[in-house]
Amino acid sequence: MLRPQIKFDALNAVLKAAGETTRLRILALIGEAELTVSDLTEILRQSQPRISRHLRLLAEAGLVERFREGAWAFFRFAERGGSAEIARDLVARLDPADPTVARDRERLAAVRAARATAAQSYFRRHAAEWDRIRKLHVADAAVEKAIRAALADRPFRSLLDLGTGTGRMLELFGPEIERGLGLDLSREMLALARARLDRAGLKHCSVRQGDIYDLAVPKDSFDVVIIHQVLHFLDDSARAIAEAARVLRPQGRLLVIDFAPHDLEFLREEHAHRRLGFAPEAVTAWLGAAGLDVIAQTTLAPERPSDGKIAVSLWLGCDPRIALAEPAAREVA
């Protein structure tokens, strides 16, 4: 695959930004995980203003990107451009047994462990109510099997998971893709997702805070977009689907999974469900209005005997535009 070209002045700026001890250590750490200024301060044992200055220089050189999440900001490698590729190449050449690199990774492991502990604590506090809802619908294993089957006709390289929650969809498909991104408004859920991705070792998958109605993602960015058990929380499902369709590449696929119609009113009252499921024709119409061809729709009935009372439906839409180039060529473009 052709490497993106970079102008002399830009390359000079990149090398100057990376060619400093602390900034190279930061790049090595960000290559392992998304980190905040506080994380890096704890790992590198340097002041917050100093770490912030180094991060600003790395961002200005196009080596890292900053994503705000409420009062927090996370940093990771830039996803596009020649500068980002240089950053990855530099980090890949570092000897993991080098004392400086090894010490930083040990401290990173401690930060990750603290993050996982906080996530587990949140899960324990909410596990009872989550388990109660799970018992009301088709088993997760059956739903995930149907999700895999819906996308099994051809491989894909990039996945966007909207309303990622605990990051399960990224974990499910992570080993098979090159790039995965999960968006969610809840910082607590994002903490759970980061802990899950850390445990799975999926460095090429990340999560960030984002608005499903206004995605900070360029047009034609992803091969597959998944909206899993999210629409029933939204005021405007059609708008969310239209925005998801915008970021699909030609021949890209949008998979929607949500409840079929039901009458469990307590879910609206106690768990903020705005819609008590969706009729097949409703989501099909929204996909069509977003310019997608609906190529599959199926409904999974709850098992018997069980506590299940809610069926789960899946809709698969496809961008009808013709893909004019192979995926590798599109990446270069």
C-alpha atoms as a PDB file:
ATOM      1  CA  MET A   1       0.000   0.000   0.000  1.00  0.00           C
ATOM      2  CA  LEU A   2       1.320   3.455  -0.904  1.00  0.00           C
ATOM      3  CA  ARG A   3       2.422   5.568   2.048  1.00  0.00           C
ATOM      4  CA  PRO A   4       0.995   9.102   2.307  1.00  0.00           C
ATOM      5  CA  GLN A   5       3.533  11.748   1.347  1.00  0.00           C
ATOM      6  CA  ILE A   6       4.485  14.530   3.731  1.00  0.00           C
ATOM      7  CA  LYS A   7       6.069  17.898   2.918  1.00  0.00           C
ATOM      8  CA  PHE A   8       9.571  18.765   4.120  1.00  0.00           C
ATOM      9  CA  ASP A   9       8.498  21.400   6.659  1.00  0.00           C
ATOM     10  CA  ALA A  10       5.793  19.141   8.067  1.00  0.00           C
ATOM     11  CA  LEU A  11       8.207  16.206   8.392  1.00  0.00           C
ATOM     12  CA  ASN A  12      10.743  18.457  10.095  1.00  0.00           C
ATOM     13  CA  ALA A  13       8.057  19.570  12.584  1.00  0.00           C
ATOM     14  CA  VAL A  14       7.041  15.962  13.227  1.00  0.00           C
ATOM     15  CA  LEU A  15      10.597  14.849  13.940  1.00  0.00           C
ATOM     16  CA  LYS A  16      11.224  17.845  16.221  1.00  0.00           C
ATOM     17  CA  ALA A  17       8.019  17.094  18.136  1.00  0.00           C
ATOM     18  CA  ALA A  18       8.867  13.426  18.592  1.00  0.00           C
ATOM     19  CA  GLY A  19      12.587  13.971  19.171  1.00  0.00           C
ATOM     20  CA  GLU A  20      12.384  14.831  22.852  1.00  0.00           C
ATOM     21  CA  THR A  21      12.594  12.330  25.711  1.00  0.00           C
ATOM     22  CA  THR A  22       9.263  12.988  27.424  1.00  0.00           C
ATOM     23  CA  ARG A  23       7.345  13.346  24.160  1.00  0.00           C
ATOM     24  CA  LEU A  24       8.718  10.068  22.834  1.00  0.00           C
ATOM     25  CA  ARG A  25       7.704   8.386  26.105  1.00  0.00           C
ATOM     26  CA  ILE A  26       4.226   9.892  25.717  1.00  0.00           C
ATOM     27  CA  LEU A  27       3.960   8.516  22.185  1.00  0.00           C
ATOM     28  CA  ALA A  28       4.977   5.056  23.397  1.00  0.00           C
ATOM     29  CA  LEU A  29       2.311   5.160  26.108  1.00  0.00           C
ATOM     30  CA  ILE A  30      -0.437   6.487  23.840  1.00  0.00           C
ATOM     31  CA  GLY A  31       0.411   3.670  21.452  1.00  0.00           C
ATOM     32  CA  GLU A  32      -0.761   1.305  24.191  1.00  0.00           C
ATOM     33  CA  ALA A  33      -3.965   3.055  25.318  1.00  0.00           C
ATOM     34  CA  GLU A  34      -6.026   6.239  25.272  1.00  0.00           C
ATOM     35  CA  LEU A  35      -4.790   8.346  28.187  1.00  0.00           C
ATOM     36  CA  THR A  36      -5.678  11.574  29.946  1.00  0.00           C
ATOM     37  CA  VAL A  37      -3.326  14.279  31.162  1.00  0.00           C
ATOM     38  CA  SER A  38      -3.849  12.945  34.692  1.00  0.00           C
ATOM     39  CA  ASP A  39      -2.916   9.421  33.569  1.00  0.00           C
ATOM     40  CA  LEU A  40       0.288  10.665  31.966  1.00  0.00           C
ATOM     41  CA  THR A  41       1.112  12.848  34.970  1.00  0.00           C
ATOM     42  CA  GLU A  42       0.845   9.798  37.221  1.00  0.00           C
ATOM     43  CA  ILE A  43       2.882   7.563  34.919  1.00  0.00           C
ATOM     44  CA  LEU A  44       5.638  10.022  34.003  1.00  0.00           C
ATOM     45  CA  ARG A  45       5.763  11.745  37.430  1.00  0.00           C
ATOM     46  CA  GLN A  46       5.818  15.197  35.855  1.00  0.00           C
ATOM     47  CA  SER A  47       3.671  18.266  36.454  1.00  0.00           C
ATOM     48  CA  GLN A  48       0.340  18.693  34.695  1.00  0.00           C
ATOM     49  CA  PRO A  49       1.348  21.948  32.937  1.00  0.00           C
ATOM     50  CA  ARG A  50       4.466  20.285  31.566  1.00  0.00           C
ATOM     51  CA  ILE A  51       2.557  17.232  30.299  1.00  0.00           C
ATOM     52  CA  SER A  52      -0.096  19.497  28.783  1.00  0.00           C
ATOM     53  CA  ARG A  53       2.588  21.474  26.923  1.00  0.00           C
ATOM     54  CA  HIS A  54       4.142  18.306  25.495  1.00  0.00           C
ATOM     55  CA  LEU A  55       0.730  17.058  24.374  1.00  0.00           C
ATOM     56  CA  ARG A  56      -0.029  20.382  22.721  1.00  0.00           C
ATOM     57  CA  LEU A  57       3.200  20.185  20.703  1.00  0.00           C
ATOM     58  CA  LEU A  58       2.470  16.593  19.664  1.00  0.00           C
ATOM     59  CA  ALA A  59      -1.071  17.554  18.632  1.00  0.00           C
ATOM     60  CA  GLU A  60       0.128  20.565  16.630  1.00  0.00           C
ATOM     61  CA  ALA A  61       2.503  18.259  14.736  1.00  0.00           C
ATOM     62  CA  GLY A  62      -0.376  15.916  13.907  1.00  0.00           C
ATOM     63  CA  LEU A  63       0.998  13.005  15.954  1.00  0.00           C
ATOM     64  CA  VAL A  64      -1.825  12.749  18.482  1.00  0.00           C
ATOM     65  CA  GLU A  65      -5.484  13.742  18.685  1.00  0.00           C
ATOM     66  CA  ARG A  66      -7.447  15.085  21.629  1.00  0.00           C
ATOM     67  CA  PHE A  67     -11.028  14.011  22.401  1.00  0.00           C
ATOM     68  CA  ARG A  68     -13.018  15.804  25.073  1.00  0.00           C
ATOM     69  CA  GLU A  69     -15.302  13.833  27.363  1.00  0.00           C
ATOM     70  CA  GLY A  70     -17.069  16.215  29.739  1.00  0.00           C
ATOM     71  CA  ALA A  71     -14.367  17.739  31.927  1.00  0.00           C
ATOM     72  CA  TRP A  72     -11.846  15.126  30.734  1.00  0.00           C
ATOM     73  CA  ALA A  73      -9.765  14.970  27.573  1.00  0.00           C
ATOM     74  CA  PHE A  74      -8.321  11.748  26.163  1.00  0.00           C
ATOM     75  CA  PHE A  75      -5.339  11.522  23.833  1.00  0.00           C
ATOM     76  CA  ARG A  76      -4.492   8.867  21.254  1.00  0.00           C
ATOM     77  CA  PHE A  77      -2.603   8.556  17.986  1.00  0.00           C
ATOM     78  CA  ALA A  78      -4.019  10.601  15.152  1.00  0.00           C
ATOM     79  CA  GLU A  79      -6.026   8.342  12.861  1.00  0.00           C
ATOM     80  CA  ARG A  80      -5.145   9.892   9.510  1.00  0.00           C
ATOM     81  CA  GLY A  81      -2.228  11.450   7.702  1.00  0.00           C
ATOM     82  CA  GLY A  82       1.470  10.894   7.219  1.00  0.00           C
ATOM     83  CA  SER A  83       2.345  12.279  10.657  1.00  0.00           C
ATOM     84  CA  ALA A  84       0.220   9.632  12.359  1.00  0.00           C
ATOM     85  CA  GLU A  85       1.954   6.889  10.397  1.00  0.00           C
ATOM     86  CA  ILE A  86       5.360   8.219  11.425  1.00  0.00           C
ATOM     87  CA  ALA A  87       4.294   8.154  15.077  1.00  0.00           C
ATOM     88  CA  ARG A  88       3.273   4.512  14.793  1.00  0.00           C
ATOM     89  CA  ASP A  89       6.508   3.595  12.986  1.00  0.00           C
ATOM     90  CA  LEU A  90       8.639   5.266  15.659  1.00  0.00           C
ATOM     91  CA  VAL A  91       6.854   3.535  18.519  1.00  0.00           C
ATOM     92  CA  ALA A  92       6.982   0.158  16.761  1.00  0.00           C
ATOM     93  CA  ARG A  93      10.778   0.435  16.654  1.00  0.00           C
ATOM     94  CA  LEU A  94      11.154   0.918  20.414  1.00  0.00           C
ATOM     95  CA  ASP A  95      12.632  -2.022  22.308  1.00  0.00           C
ATOM     96  CA  PRO A  96       9.976  -3.094  24.874  1.00  0.00           C
ATOM     97  CA  ALA A  97      12.785  -4.324  27.151  1.00  0.00           C
ATOM     98  CA  ASP A  98      14.376  -0.889  27.321  1.00  0.00           C
ATOM     99  CA  PRO A  99      14.388   0.188  31.004  1.00  0.00           C
ATOM    100  CA  THR A 100      12.587   3.486  30.341  1.00  0.00           C
ATOM    101  CA  VAL A 101       9.900   1.878  28.192  1.00  0.00           C
ATOM    102  CA  ALA A 102       9.472  -1.056  30.592  1.00  0.00           C
ATOM    103  CA  ARG A 103       9.114   1.230  33.646  1.00  0.00           C
ATOM    104  CA  ASP A 104       6.517   3.381  31.906  1.00  0.00           C
ATOM    105  CA  ARG A 105       4.551   0.294  30.888  1.00  0.00           C
ATOM    106  CA  GLU A 106       4.550  -0.960  34.479  1.00  0.00           C
ATOM    107  CA  ARG A 107       3.061   2.335  35.646  1.00  0.00           C
ATOM    108  CA  LEU A 108       0.571   2.228  32.765  1.00  0.00           C
ATOM    109  CA  ALA A 109      -0.503  -1.237  33.938  1.00  0.00           C
ATOM    110  CA  ALA A 110      -1.232   0.232  37.388  1.00  0.00           C
ATOM    111  CA  VAL A 111      -3.333   3.022  35.848  1.00  0.00           C
ATOM    112  CA  ARG A 112      -5.260   0.456  33.792  1.00  0.00           C
ATOM    113  CA  ALA A 113      -5.844  -1.682  36.870  1.00  0.00           C
ATOM    114  CA  ALA A 114      -7.296   1.307  38.733  1.00  0.00           C
ATOM    115  CA  ARG A 115      -9.517   2.073  35.722  1.00  0.00           C
ATOM    116  CA  ALA A 116     -10.752  -1.540  35.648  1.00  0.00           C
ATOM    117  CA  THR A 117     -11.494  -1.485  39.372  1.00  0.00           C
ATOM    118  CA  ALA A 118     -13.576   1.677  39.016  1.00  0.00           C
ATOM    119  CA  ALA A 119     -15.463   0.167  36.065  1.00  0.00           C
ATOM    120  CA  GLN A 120     -16.182  -3.040  37.957  1.00  0.00           C
ATOM    121  CA  SER A 121     -17.460  -1.028  40.909  1.00  0.00           C
ATOM    122  CA  TYR A 122     -19.897   0.816  38.642  1.00  0.00           C
ATOM    123  CA  PHE A 123     -21.030  -2.454  37.088  1.00  0.00           C
ATOM    124  CA  ARG A 124     -21.661  -4.033  40.499  1.00  0.00           C
ATOM    125  CA  ARG A 125     -23.832  -1.087  41.524  1.00  0.00           C
ATOM    126  CA  HIS A 126     -25.988  -1.481  38.401  1.00  0.00           C
ATOM    127  CA  ALA A 127     -25.735  -5.209  37.736  1.00  0.00           C
ATOM    128  CA  ALA A 128     -29.028  -6.082  39.414  1.00  0.00           C
ATOM    129  CA  GLU A 129     -31.108  -3.775  37.232  1.00  0.00           C
ATOM    130  CA  TRP A 130     -29.203  -4.770  34.075  1.00  0.00           C
ATOM    131  CA  ASP A 131     -29.785  -8.446  34.838  1.00  0.00           C
ATOM    132  CA  ARG A 132     -33.474  -7.762  35.368  1.00  0.00           C
ATOM    133  CA  ILE A 133     -33.764  -6.216  31.900  1.00  0.00           C
ATOM    134  CA  ARG A 134     -31.679  -8.975  30.280  1.00  0.00           C
ATOM    135  CA  LYS A 135     -34.111 -11.616  31.527  1.00  0.00           C
ATOM    136  CA  LEU A 136     -36.933  -9.843  29.722  1.00  0.00           C
ATOM    137  CA  HIS A 137     -35.624 -10.281  26.190  1.00  0.00           C
ATOM    138  CA  VAL A 138     -33.891 -12.753  23.914  1.00  0.00           C
ATOM    139  CA  ALA A 139     -30.621 -14.053  25.372  1.00  0.00           C
ATOM    140  CA  ASP A 140     -27.510 -12.050  24.517  1.00  0.00           C
ATOM    141  CA  ALA A 141     -25.816 -15.102  22.991  1.00  0.00           C
ATOM    142  CA  ALA A 142     -28.666 -15.603  20.525  1.00  0.00           C
ATOM    143  CA  VAL A 143     -28.682 -11.919  19.580  1.00  0.00           C
ATOM    144  CA  GLU A 144     -24.921 -11.863  19.049  1.00  0.00           C
ATOM    145  CA  LYS A 145     -25.135 -14.986  16.894  1.00  0.00           C
ATOM    146  CA  ALA A 146     -27.731 -13.208  14.731  1.00  0.00           C
ATOM    147  CA  ILE A 147     -25.555 -10.084  14.543  1.00  0.00           C
ATOM    148  CA  ARG A 148     -22.615 -12.133  13.316  1.00  0.00           C
ATOM    149  CA  ALA A 149     -24.806 -13.922  10.781  1.00  0.00           C
ATOM    150  CA  ALA A 150     -26.154 -10.617   9.443  1.00  0.00           C
ATOM    151  CA  LEU A 151     -22.638  -9.360   8.668  1.00  0.00           C
ATOM    152  CA  ALA A 152     -21.110 -12.679   7.604  1.00  0.00           C
ATOM    153  CA  ASP A 153     -21.531 -12.287   3.831  1.00  0.00           C
ATOM    154  CA  ARG A 154     -18.276 -10.321   3.474  1.00  0.00           C
ATOM    155  CA  PRO A 155     -15.414  -9.127   5.688  1.00  0.00           C
ATOM    156  CA  PHE A 156     -15.021  -5.506   6.752  1.00  0.00           C
ATOM    157  CA  ARG A 157     -12.073  -3.464   7.960  1.00  0.00           C
ATOM    158  CA  SER A 158     -13.612  -0.657  10.028  1.00  0.00           C
ATOM    159  CA  LEU A 159     -16.495  -0.572  12.521  1.00  0.00           C
ATOM    160  CA  LEU A 160     -18.328   2.305  14.200  1.00  0.00           C
ATOM    161  CA  ASP A 161     -20.461   1.309  17.203  1.00  0.00           C
ATOM    162  CA  LEU A 162     -22.974   4.017  18.157  1.00  0.00           C
ATOM    163  CA  GLY A 163     -24.115   4.009  21.768  1.00  0.00           C
ATOM    164  CA  THR A 164     -21.318   1.550  22.458  1.00  0.00           C
ATOM    165  CA  GLY A 165     -22.210   1.063  26.139  1.00  0.00           C
ATOM    166  CA  THR A 166     -19.811  -1.519  27.560  1.00  0.00           C
ATOM    167  CA  GLY A 167     -18.019  -1.882  24.215  1.00  0.00           C
ATOM    168  CA  ARG A 168     -19.267  -5.409  23.611  1.00  0.00           C
ATOM    169  CA  MET A 169     -19.676  -4.978  19.832  1.00  0.00           C
ATOM    170  CA  LEU A 170     -16.071  -3.777  19.537  1.00  0.00           C
ATOM    171  CA  GLU A 171     -14.923  -6.743  21.589  1.00  0.00           C
ATOM    172  CA  LEU A 172     -17.007  -9.117  19.459  1.00  0.00           C
ATOM    173  CA  PHE A 173     -15.588  -7.957  16.119  1.00  0.00           C
ATOM    174  CA  GLY A 174     -12.287  -6.445  17.268  1.00  0.00           C
ATOM    175  CA  PRO A 175     -10.052  -9.430  16.409  1.00  0.00           C
ATOM    176  CA  GLU A 176     -11.288  -9.352  12.793  1.00  0.00           C
ATOM    177  CA  ILE A 177     -11.071  -5.635  11.947  1.00  0.00           C
ATOM    178  CA  GLU A 178      -8.327  -3.054  11.502  1.00  0.00           C
ATOM    179  CA  ARG A 179     -10.070  -0.116  13.202  1.00  0.00           C
ATOM    180  CA  GLY A 180     -12.951   0.111  15.639  1.00  0.00           C
ATOM    181  CA  LEU A 181     -14.522   3.174  17.237  1.00  0.00           C
ATOM    182  CA  GLY A 182     -17.303   3.313  19.834  1.00  0.00           C
ATOM    183  CA  LEU A 183     -19.238   6.467  20.719  1.00  0.00           C
ATOM    184  CA  ASP A 184     -21.386   7.031  23.804  1.00  0.00           C
ATOM    185  CA  LEU A 185     -22.591  10.006  25.839  1.00  0.00           C
ATOM    186  CA  SER A 186     -22.121   8.283  29.214  1.00  0.00           C
ATOM    187  CA  ARG A 187     -18.688   8.653  30.790  1.00  0.00           C
ATOM    188  CA  GLU A 188     -19.480   5.764  33.127  1.00  0.00           C
ATOM    189  CA  MET A 189     -20.240   3.487  30.194  1.00  0.00           C
ATOM    190  CA  LEU A 190     -17.100   4.611  28.395  1.00  0.00           C
ATOM    191  CA  ALA A 191     -15.067   3.673  31.472  1.00  0.00           C
ATOM    192  CA  LEU A 192     -16.590   0.184  31.294  1.00  0.00           C
ATOM    193  CA  ALA A 193     -15.835  -0.034  27.590  1.00  0.00           C
ATOM    194  CA  ARG A 194     -12.216   1.045  28.009  1.00  0.00           C
ATOM    195  CA  ALA A 195     -11.703  -1.569  30.706  1.00  0.00           C
ATOM    196  CA  ARG A 196     -13.207  -4.227  28.427  1.00  0.00           C
ATOM    197  CA  LEU A 197     -10.989  -3.245  25.472  1.00  0.00           C
ATOM    198  CA  ASP A 198      -7.924  -3.151  27.714  1.00  0.00           C
ATOM    199  CA  ARG A 199      -8.638  -6.692  28.949  1.00  0.00           C
ATOM    200  CA  ALA A 200      -9.089  -7.900  25.374  1.00  0.00           C
ATOM    201  CA  GLY A 201      -5.869  -6.206  24.218  1.00  0.00           C
ATOM    202  CA  LEU A 202      -7.667  -4.434  21.350  1.00  0.00           C
ATOM    203  CA  LYS A 203      -5.313  -1.483  20.852  1.00  0.00           C
ATOM    204  CA  HIS A 204      -6.803  -0.704  17.441  1.00  0.00           C
ATOM    205  CA  CYS A 205     -10.237  -0.134  18.985  1.00  0.00           C
ATOM    206  CA  SER A 206     -11.123   2.974  20.976  1.00  0.00           C
ATOM    207  CA  VAL A 207     -14.102   4.743  22.491  1.00  0.00           C
ATOM    208  CA  ARG A 208     -14.934   8.382  22.980  1.00  0.00           C
ATOM    209  CA  GLN A 209     -17.794  10.610  24.005  1.00  0.00           C
ATOM    210  CA  GLY A 210     -19.985  11.626  21.098  1.00  0.00           C
ATOM    211  CA  ASP A 211     -23.443  12.762  20.024  1.00  0.00           C
ATOM    212  CA  ILE A 212     -25.301  10.218  17.897  1.00  0.00           C
ATOM    213  CA  TYR A 213     -27.159  13.046  16.146  1.00  0.00           C
ATOM    214  CA  ASP A 214     -23.981  14.930  15.207  1.00  0.00           C
ATOM    215  CA  LEU A 215     -21.085  12.544  14.684  1.00  0.00           C
ATOM    216  CA  ALA A 216     -17.624  14.099  14.682  1.00  0.00           C
ATOM    217  CA  VAL A 217     -16.715  11.640  11.925  1.00  0.00           C
ATOM    218  CA  PRO A 218     -16.102  12.423   8.239  1.00  0.00           C
ATOM    219  CA  LYS A 219     -18.432  11.237   5.502  1.00  0.00           C
ATOM    220  CA  ASP A 220     -17.608   7.814   4.006  1.00  0.00           C
ATOM    221  CA  SER A 221     -15.502   6.706   6.993  1.00  0.00           C
ATOM    222  CA  PHE A 222     -16.665   3.211   7.979  1.00  0.00           C
ATOM    223  CA  ASP A 223     -17.462  -0.119   6.345  1.00  0.00           C
ATOM    224  CA  VAL A 224     -19.990  -1.070   9.049  1.00  0.00           C
ATOM    225  CA  VAL A 225     -21.993   0.951  11.578  1.00  0.00           C
ATOM    226  CA  ILE A 226     -23.898  -0.786  14.386  1.00  0.00           C
ATOM    227  CA  ILE A 227     -26.689   0.753  16.484  1.00  0.00           C
ATOM    228  CA  HIS A 228     -27.316  -1.869  19.154  1.00  0.00           C
ATOM    229  CA  GLN A 229     -30.171  -1.370  21.652  1.00  0.00           C
ATOM    230  CA  VAL A 230     -29.957   2.423  21.398  1.00  0.00           C
ATOM    231  CA  LEU A 231     -32.947   3.672  19.395  1.00  0.00           C
ATOM    232  CA  HIS A 232     -35.447   3.062  22.195  1.00  0.00           C
ATOM    233  CA  PHE A 233     -33.658   5.728  24.275  1.00  0.00           C
ATOM    234  CA  LEU A 234     -33.846   8.399  21.567  1.00  0.00           C
ATOM    235  CA  ASP A 235     -36.286  11.175  20.730  1.00  0.00           C
ATOM    236  CA  ASP A 236     -35.519  11.104  17.006  1.00  0.00           C
ATOM    237  CA  SER A 237     -34.526   7.672  15.740  1.00  0.00           C
ATOM    238  CA  ALA A 238     -34.832   8.659  12.081  1.00  0.00           C
ATOM    239  CA  ARG A 239     -32.308  11.448  12.536  1.00  0.00           C
ATOM    240  CA  ALA A 240     -29.838   9.085  14.241  1.00  0.00           C
ATOM    241  CA  ILE A 241     -30.132   6.589  11.393  1.00  0.00           C
ATOM    242  CA  ALA A 242     -29.634   9.315   8.777  1.00  0.00           C
ATOM    243  CA  GLU A 243     -26.467  10.489  10.537  1.00  0.00           C
ATOM    244  CA  ALA A 244     -25.183   6.919  10.769  1.00  0.00           C
ATOM    245  CA  ALA A 245     -25.820   6.420   7.043  1.00  0.00           C
ATOM    246  CA  ARG A 246     -23.794   9.571   6.289  1.00  0.00           C
ATOM    247  CA  VAL A 247     -20.556   8.035   7.566  1.00  0.00           C
ATOM    248  CA  LEU A 248     -20.918   4.764   5.638  1.00  0.00           C
ATOM    249  CA  ARG A 249     -18.590   4.090   2.750  1.00  0.00           C
ATOM    250  CA  PRO A 250     -20.047   3.024  -0.609  1.00  0.00           C
ATOM    251  CA  GLN A 251     -21.492  -0.485  -0.146  1.00  0.00           C
ATOM    252  CA  GLY A 252     -21.125   0.008   3.614  1.00  0.00           C
ATOM    253  CA  ARG A 253     -23.683  -1.581   5.935  1.00  0.00           C
ATOM    254  CA  LEU A 254     -25.740  -0.241   8.827  1.00  0.00           C
ATOM    255  CA  LEU A 255     -27.026  -2.842  11.287  1.00  0.00           C
ATOM    256  CA  VAL A 256     -29.763  -1.804  13.730  1.00  0.00           C
ATOM    257  CA  ILE A 257     -30.705  -4.065  16.652  1.00  0.00           C
ATOM    258  CA  ASP A 258     -33.537  -3.142  18.993  1.00  0.00           C
ATOM    259  CA  PHE A 259     -36.669  -4.357  20.756  1.00  0.00           C
ATOM    260  CA  ALA A 260     -39.768  -5.390  18.880  1.00  0.00           C
ATOM    261  CA  PRO A 261     -42.982  -3.713  20.147  1.00  0.00           C
ATOM    262  CA  HIS A 262     -43.890  -4.602  23.744  1.00  0.00           C
ATOM    263  CA  ASP A 263     -46.037  -3.280  26.580  1.00  0.00           C
ATOM    264  CA  LEU A 264     -43.621  -3.226  29.551  1.00  0.00           C
ATOM    265  CA  GLU A 265     -44.366   0.307  30.637  1.00  0.00           C
ATOM    266  CA  PHE A 266     -42.025   0.169  33.648  1.00  0.00           C
ATOM    267  CA  LEU A 267     -39.056   0.327  31.251  1.00  0.00           C
ATOM    268  CA  ARG A 268     -40.196   3.802  30.229  1.00  0.00           C
ATOM    269  CA  GLU A 269     -40.799   4.906  33.793  1.00  0.00           C
ATOM    270  CA  GLU A 270     -37.751   3.371  35.496  1.00  0.00           C
ATOM    271  CA  HIS A 271     -35.118   3.021  32.767  1.00  0.00           C
ATOM    272  CA  ALA A 272     -35.660   6.020  30.475  1.00  0.00           C
ATOM    273  CA  HIS A 273     -36.914   3.980  27.504  1.00  0.00           C
ATOM    274  CA  ARG A 274     -38.676   6.520  25.279  1.00  0.00           C
ATOM    275  CA  ARG A 275     -40.011   3.926  22.863  1.00  0.00           C
ATOM    276  CA  LEU A 276     -41.434   0.521  23.767  1.00  0.00           C
ATOM    277  CA  GLY A 277     -39.934  -1.229  20.770  1.00  0.00           C
ATOM    278  CA  PHE A 278     -40.291  -0.709  17.021  1.00  0.00           C
ATOM    279  CA  ALA A 279     -42.435  -2.265  14.324  1.00  0.00           C
ATOM    280  CA  PRO A 280     -40.410  -3.734  11.419  1.00  0.00           C
ATOM    281  CA  GLU A 281     -41.842  -1.258   8.925  1.00  0.00           C
ATOM    282  CA  ALA A 282     -40.880   1.768  11.064  1.00  0.00           C
ATOM    283  CA  VAL A 283     -37.124   1.163  11.063  1.00  0.00           C
ATOM    284  CA  THR A 284     -37.278  -0.077   7.457  1.00  0.00           C
ATOM    285  CA  ALA A 285     -38.806   3.274   6.450  1.00  0.00           C
ATOM    286  CA  TRP A 286     -36.124   5.242   8.317  1.00  0.00           C
ATOM    287  CA  LEU A 287     -33.357   3.265   6.610  1.00  0.00           C
ATOM    288  CA  GLY A 288     -34.936   3.887   3.226  1.00  0.00           C
ATOM    289  CA  ALA A 289     -35.321   7.600   3.938  1.00  0.00           C
ATOM    290  CA  ALA A 290     -31.601   7.678   4.798  1.00  0.00           C
ATOM    291  CA  GLY A 291     -30.834   6.403   1.299  1.00  0.00           C
ATOM    292  CA  LEU A 292     -30.068   2.804   2.242  1.00  0.00           C
ATOM    293  CA  ASP A 293     -31.339  -0.410   0.681  1.00  0.00           C
ATOM    294  CA  VAL A 294     -32.864  -2.697   3.332  1.00  0.00           C
ATOM    295  CA  ILE A 295     -31.394  -6.092   2.529  1.00  0.00           C
ATOM    296  CA  ALA A 296     -32.498  -8.057   5.616  1.00  0.00           C
ATOM    297  CA  GLN A 297     -34.937  -7.844   8.503  1.00  0.00           C
ATOM    298  CA  THR A 298     -35.531 -10.518  11.102  1.00  0.00           C
ATOM    299  CA  THR A 299     -37.108 -10.848  14.541  1.00  0.00           C
ATOM    300  CA  LEU A 300     -35.909 -13.189  17.267  1.00  0.00           C
ATOM    301  CA  ALA A 301     -38.636 -14.481  19.580  1.00  0.00           C
ATOM    302  CA  PRO A 302     -37.765 -14.969  23.271  1.00  0.00           C
ATOM    303  CA  GLU A 303     -36.974 -18.522  24.330  1.00  0.00           C
ATOM    304  CA  ARG A 304     -39.545 -20.769  25.944  1.00  0.00           C
ATOM    305  CA  PRO A 305     -39.761 -21.470  28.758  1.00  0.00           C
ATOM    306  CA  SER A 306     -38.066 -18.345  30.109  1.00  0.00           C
ATOM    307  CA  ASP A 307     -38.750 -14.967  31.648  1.00  0.00           C
ATOM    308  CA  GLY A 308     -38.395 -13.444  28.198  1.00  0.00           C
ATOM    309  CA  LYS A 309     -41.275 -11.287  27.056  1.00  0.00           C
ATOM    310  CA  ILE A 310     -39.595  -9.045  24.478  1.00  0.00           C
ATOM    311  CA  ALA A 311     -38.595 -10.074  20.970  1.00  0.00           C
ATOM    312  CA  VAL A 312     -35.499  -8.508  19.410  1.00  0.00           C
ATOM    313  CA  SER A 313     -35.424  -7.306  15.794  1.00  0.00           C
ATOM    314  CA  LEU A 314     -32.517  -6.736  13.413  1.00  0.00           C
ATOM    315  CA  TRP A 315     -32.473  -4.534  10.307  1.00  0.00           C
ATOM    316  CA  LEU A 316     -29.583  -4.467   7.828  1.00  0.00           C
ATOM    317  CA  GLY A 317     -29.261  -1.550   5.419  1.00  0.00           C
ATOM    318  CA  CYS A 318     -26.670  -1.160   2.671  1.00  0.00           C
ATOM    319  CA  ASP A 319     -25.314   1.954   0.980  1.00  0.00           C
ATOM    320  CA  PRO A 320     -26.246   1.479  -2.689  1.00  0.00           C
ATOM    321  CA  ARG A 321     -23.348   3.471  -4.113  1.00  0.00           C
ATOM    322  CA  ILE A 322     -20.841   1.512  -6.138  1.00  0.00           C
ATOM    323  CA  ALA A 323     -17.435   1.122  -4.548  1.00  0.00           C
ATOM    324  CA  LEU A 324     -15.086   2.407  -7.243  1.00  0.00           C
ATOM    325  CA  ALA A 325     -11.877   1.249  -5.601  1.00  0.00           C
ATOM    326  CA  GLU A 326     -10.623  -1.546  -3.415  1.00  0.00           C
ATOM    327  CA  PRO A 327     -10.510  -0.830   0.342  1.00  0.00           C
ATOM    328  CA  ALA A 328      -6.721  -0.408   0.394  1.00  0.00           C
ATOM    329  CA  ALA A 329      -6.884   2.198  -2.354  1.00  0.00           C
ATOM    330  CA  ARG A 330      -9.705   4.026  -0.555  1.00  0.00           C
ATOM    331  CA  GLU A 331      -7.552   4.209   2.593  1.00  0.00           C
ATOM    332  CA  VAL A 332      -4.756   5.863   0.633  1.00  0.00           C
ATOM    333  CA  ALA A 333      -7.221   8.286  -0.953  1.00  0.00           C
END
